[in-house]
Amino acid sequence: MTKQTKIRSEITGTVWKILVQAGDTLQADDTIMVLESMKMEIPVIAPEAGRVIELFIAEGAPVREGQDIALFEEE
């Protein structure tokens, strides 16, 4: 049985770069996207090995702390 997890932003800022697409398979600790806040780049990483189901935001979009940014399915 697979487990789906909503990945949430840990900061308020901007989506600087998205490195994956829906359907991509990742290993634990692979970078999904990079957020920017106050000129600092903060990577968002995969919690476990699995697959990106959906991205809820686009590059350049503002994001707030606690906002759902992706749906991830663990292997």
N, C-alpha and C. Protein backbone atom coordinates (compact mmCIF):
# COMPACT_ATOMS: atom_id res chain seq x y z
N MET A 1 0.85 -1.18 0.00
CA MET A 1 0.00 0.00 0.00
C MET A 1 0.89 1.25 0.00
N THR A 2 0.58 2.18 -0.88
CA THR A 2 1.39 3.40 -0.96
C THR A 2 0.79 4.48 -0.06
N LYS A 3 1.66 5.37 0.38
CA LYS A 3 1.23 6.45 1.26
C LYS A 3 1.45 7.77 0.54
N GLN A 4 0.40 8.57 0.44
CA GLN A 4 0.53 9.90 -0.16
C GLN A 4 0.74 10.94 0.93
N THR A 5 1.65 11.85 0.67
CA THR A 5 2.01 12.89 1.63
C THR A 5 1.94 14.24 0.95
N LYS A 6 1.29 15.20 1.59
CA LYS A 6 1.34 16.59 1.11
C LYS A 6 2.60 17.23 1.66
N ILE A 7 3.39 17.78 0.76
CA ILE A 7 4.60 18.49 1.18
C ILE A 7 4.22 19.95 1.34
N ARG A 8 4.61 20.53 2.47
CA ARG A 8 4.25 21.91 2.79
C ARG A 8 5.49 22.79 2.85
N SER A 9 5.30 24.05 2.53
CA SER A 9 6.39 25.01 2.61
C SER A 9 6.74 25.27 4.07
N GLU A 10 8.02 25.33 4.36
CA GLU A 10 8.46 25.63 5.72
C GLU A 10 8.69 27.13 5.92
N ILE A 11 8.58 27.91 4.83
CA ILE A 11 8.85 29.35 4.90
C ILE A 11 7.83 30.13 4.09
N THR A 12 7.81 31.43 4.31
CA THR A 12 7.08 32.35 3.44
C THR A 12 8.12 32.94 2.49
N GLY A 13 7.84 32.90 1.21
CA GLY A 13 8.80 33.39 0.22
C GLY A 13 8.27 33.24 -1.19
N THR A 14 9.17 32.85 -2.10
CA THR A 14 8.85 32.70 -3.51
C THR A 14 9.42 31.38 -4.01
N VAL A 15 8.71 30.76 -4.96
CA VAL A 15 9.23 29.56 -5.61
C VAL A 15 10.29 30.01 -6.60
N TRP A 16 11.54 29.71 -6.31
CA TRP A 16 12.64 30.15 -7.16
C TRP A 16 12.83 29.22 -8.35
N LYS A 17 12.86 27.89 -8.10
CA LYS A 17 13.12 26.92 -9.16
C LYS A 17 12.45 25.60 -8.82
N ILE A 18 11.73 25.04 -9.79
CA ILE A 18 11.15 23.69 -9.64
C ILE A 18 12.02 22.74 -10.44
N LEU A 19 12.49 21.68 -9.80
CA LEU A 19 13.44 20.77 -10.42
C LEU A 19 12.83 19.46 -10.90
N VAL A 20 11.55 19.24 -10.64
CA VAL A 20 10.88 17.99 -11.01
C VAL A 20 9.55 18.29 -11.70
N GLN A 21 8.97 17.25 -12.26
CA GLN A 21 7.64 17.33 -12.85
C GLN A 21 6.77 16.24 -12.23
N ALA A 22 5.47 16.40 -12.34
CA ALA A 22 4.56 15.35 -11.87
C ALA A 22 4.92 14.05 -12.60
N GLY A 23 4.98 12.96 -11.85
CA GLY A 23 5.32 11.67 -12.41
C GLY A 23 6.78 11.27 -12.22
N ASP A 24 7.64 12.23 -11.87
CA ASP A 24 9.06 11.92 -11.66
C ASP A 24 9.24 11.04 -10.43
N THR A 25 10.16 10.08 -10.54
CA THR A 25 10.52 9.21 -9.42
C THR A 25 11.76 9.78 -8.76
N LEU A 26 11.74 9.85 -7.43
CA LEU A 26 12.83 10.44 -6.67
C LEU A 26 13.35 9.48 -5.61
N GLN A 27 14.57 9.72 -5.20
CA GLN A 27 15.16 9.03 -4.06
C GLN A 27 14.97 9.91 -2.83
N ALA A 28 15.09 9.34 -1.65
CA ALA A 28 15.01 10.13 -0.42
C ALA A 28 16.07 11.23 -0.48
N ASP A 29 15.70 12.41 -0.07
CA ASP A 29 16.57 13.59 -0.01
C ASP A 29 16.88 14.23 -1.37
N ASP A 30 16.25 13.78 -2.46
CA ASP A 30 16.36 14.51 -3.74
C ASP A 30 15.65 15.85 -3.60
N THR A 31 16.14 16.86 -4.28
CA THR A 31 15.53 18.18 -4.21
C THR A 31 14.35 18.26 -5.18
N ILE A 32 13.19 18.69 -4.66
CA ILE A 32 11.98 18.85 -5.46
C ILE A 32 11.95 20.26 -6.06
N MET A 33 12.22 21.24 -5.23
CA MET A 33 12.22 22.64 -5.67
C MET A 33 13.07 23.45 -4.70
N VAL A 34 13.31 24.70 -5.09
CA VAL A 34 14.07 25.61 -4.24
C VAL A 34 13.19 26.84 -4.00
N LEU A 35 13.01 27.19 -2.73
CA LEU A 35 12.27 28.38 -2.35
C LEU A 35 13.27 29.48 -1.99
N GLU A 36 12.85 30.73 -2.18
CA GLU A 36 13.72 31.87 -1.86
C GLU A 36 13.00 32.77 -0.88
N SER A 37 13.73 33.17 0.15
CA SER A 37 13.20 34.09 1.13
C SER A 37 14.34 34.94 1.66
N MET A 38 14.21 36.24 1.55
CA MET A 38 15.21 37.17 2.05
C MET A 38 16.60 36.85 1.50
N LYS A 39 16.65 36.54 0.20
CA LYS A 39 17.88 36.24 -0.54
C LYS A 39 18.56 34.95 -0.11
N MET A 40 17.83 34.11 0.61
CA MET A 40 18.34 32.78 0.98
C MET A 40 17.59 31.74 0.17
N GLU A 41 18.29 30.73 -0.31
CA GLU A 41 17.68 29.64 -1.07
C GLU A 41 17.50 28.44 -0.14
N ILE A 42 16.26 27.95 -0.08
CA ILE A 42 15.93 26.85 0.82
C ILE A 42 15.40 25.69 -0.02
N PRO A 43 16.13 24.55 -0.05
CA PRO A 43 15.65 23.41 -0.83
C PRO A 43 14.49 22.70 -0.14
N VAL A 44 13.57 22.19 -0.95
CA VAL A 44 12.49 21.33 -0.48
C VAL A 44 12.85 19.94 -0.96
N ILE A 45 13.00 19.00 -0.04
CA ILE A 45 13.50 17.68 -0.40
C ILE A 45 12.43 16.60 -0.24
N ALA A 46 12.63 15.52 -1.00
CA ALA A 46 11.73 14.37 -0.91
C ALA A 46 11.92 13.69 0.45
N PRO A 47 10.82 13.41 1.15
CA PRO A 47 10.94 12.80 2.47
C PRO A 47 11.38 11.34 2.43
N GLU A 48 11.06 10.65 1.36
CA GLU A 48 11.36 9.23 1.17
C GLU A 48 11.51 9.00 -0.34
N ALA A 49 11.93 7.81 -0.71
CA ALA A 49 11.90 7.44 -2.12
C ALA A 49 10.45 7.35 -2.55
N GLY A 50 10.15 7.81 -3.75
CA GLY A 50 8.78 7.76 -4.23
C GLY A 50 8.59 8.55 -5.50
N ARG A 51 7.37 9.05 -5.70
CA ARG A 51 7.00 9.70 -6.95
C ARG A 51 6.23 10.98 -6.68
N VAL A 52 6.51 11.99 -7.48
CA VAL A 52 5.77 13.25 -7.41
C VAL A 52 4.43 13.03 -8.11
N ILE A 53 3.34 13.24 -7.40
CA ILE A 53 2.00 13.07 -7.98
C ILE A 53 1.54 14.37 -8.63
N GLU A 54 1.70 15.48 -7.90
CA GLU A 54 1.20 16.77 -8.40
C GLU A 54 1.98 17.91 -7.74
N LEU A 55 2.21 18.96 -8.51
CA LEU A 55 2.78 20.21 -7.99
C LEU A 55 1.65 21.22 -7.91
N PHE A 56 1.52 21.90 -6.79
CA PHE A 56 0.42 22.84 -6.59
C PHE A 56 0.79 24.29 -6.89
N ILE A 57 2.05 24.55 -7.25
CA ILE A 57 2.52 25.91 -7.47
C ILE A 57 3.42 25.95 -8.70
N ALA A 58 3.76 27.16 -9.13
CA ALA A 58 4.62 27.36 -10.30
C ALA A 58 5.82 28.22 -9.92
N GLU A 59 6.86 28.15 -10.75
CA GLU A 59 8.03 29.00 -10.51
C GLU A 59 7.61 30.47 -10.48
N GLY A 60 8.18 31.20 -9.55
CA GLY A 60 7.89 32.62 -9.41
C GLY A 60 6.69 32.95 -8.54
N ALA A 61 5.94 31.92 -8.16
CA ALA A 61 4.74 32.14 -7.35
C ALA A 61 5.11 32.41 -5.89
N PRO A 62 4.35 33.26 -5.23
CA PRO A 62 4.56 33.45 -3.79
C PRO A 62 4.06 32.21 -3.05
N VAL A 63 4.67 31.93 -1.92
CA VAL A 63 4.28 30.80 -1.10
C VAL A 63 4.33 31.24 0.36
N ARG A 64 3.41 30.72 1.16
CA ARG A 64 3.42 31.08 2.58
C ARG A 64 3.72 29.84 3.41
N GLU A 65 4.22 30.07 4.59
CA GLU A 65 4.56 28.98 5.49
C GLU A 65 3.34 28.10 5.74
N GLY A 66 3.53 26.78 5.61
CA GLY A 66 2.45 25.83 5.84
C GLY A 66 1.60 25.54 4.63
N GLN A 67 1.83 26.24 3.52
CA GLN A 67 1.04 26.03 2.30
C GLN A 67 1.42 24.71 1.63
N ASP A 68 0.41 23.95 1.15
CA ASP A 68 0.67 22.73 0.39
C ASP A 68 1.33 23.12 -0.92
N ILE A 69 2.47 22.49 -1.24
CA ILE A 69 3.16 22.82 -2.49
C ILE A 69 3.30 21.63 -3.44
N ALA A 70 3.18 20.41 -2.91
CA ALA A 70 3.28 19.23 -3.77
C ALA A 70 2.62 18.03 -3.08
N LEU A 71 2.24 17.07 -3.91
CA LEU A 71 1.71 15.80 -3.42
C LEU A 71 2.70 14.72 -3.82
N PHE A 72 3.13 13.92 -2.86
CA PHE A 72 4.19 12.93 -3.03
C PHE A 72 3.67 11.58 -2.61
N GLU A 73 4.03 10.54 -3.37
CA GLU A 73 3.62 9.17 -3.04
C GLU A 73 4.87 8.36 -2.71
N GLU A 74 4.95 7.87 -1.50
CA GLU A 74 6.10 7.08 -1.07
C GLU A 74 6.01 5.68 -1.61
N GLU A 75 7.17 5.09 -1.89
CA GLU A 75 7.22 3.71 -2.40
C GLU A 75 6.93 2.71 -1.31
